[in-house]
Amino acid sequence: MSSKPTCHLIRPENSYEGKQGLSYFTGIAAETVGSIGICM
């Protein structure tokens, strides 16, 4: 990995309710912040 680590703040704009009644929000993904891995 050649890029320098950075921090991105994700604020969900949209949410939706799944089939089991749970709410889902935008999260960390390649589409939102260009992530290739995550460490929690």
Protein backbone atom coordinates (compact mmCIF):
# COMPACT_ATOMS: atom_id res chain seq x y z
CA MET A 1 0.00 0.00 0.00
CA SER A 2 1.56 3.23 -1.12
CA SER A 3 -1.01 5.79 0.05
CA LYS A 4 -0.81 7.58 3.38
CA PRO A 5 -3.52 6.57 5.91
CA THR A 6 -6.32 9.11 6.28
CA CYS A 7 -9.52 9.46 8.25
CA HIS A 8 -12.96 10.02 6.68
CA LEU A 9 -16.15 11.01 8.47
CA ILE A 10 -19.26 9.22 7.17
CA ARG A 11 -22.63 10.86 7.79
CA PRO A 12 -25.46 8.74 6.45
CA GLU A 13 -27.76 10.67 4.12
CA ASN A 14 -30.17 7.85 3.37
CA SER A 15 -31.51 4.91 5.30
CA TYR A 16 -33.89 2.12 4.50
CA GLU A 17 -35.79 -0.56 6.37
CA GLY A 18 -34.92 -4.16 5.59
CA LYS A 19 -37.32 -7.09 5.34
CA GLN A 20 -36.85 -7.95 9.04
CA GLY A 21 -37.60 -4.38 10.16
CA LEU A 22 -33.98 -3.32 10.79
CA SER A 23 -32.79 0.13 9.68
CA TYR A 24 -29.76 0.29 7.40
CA PHE A 25 -27.52 3.31 6.76
CA THR A 26 -24.67 4.25 4.42
CA GLY A 27 -21.37 2.97 5.80
CA ILE A 28 -17.72 2.40 5.00
CA ALA A 29 -17.19 0.96 1.52
CA ALA A 30 -15.07 1.43 -1.57
CA GLU A 31 -17.95 3.47 -3.02
CA THR A 32 -18.14 5.95 -0.11
CA VAL A 33 -14.49 6.49 0.86
CA GLY A 34 -12.41 4.28 -1.43
CA SER A 35 -11.68 1.77 1.33
CA ILE A 36 -9.74 -1.40 0.59
CA GLY A 37 -9.68 -2.75 4.15
CA ILE A 38 -10.92 -1.89 7.62
CA CYS A 39 -9.51 -2.39 11.10
CA MET A 40 -11.84 -2.01 14.05
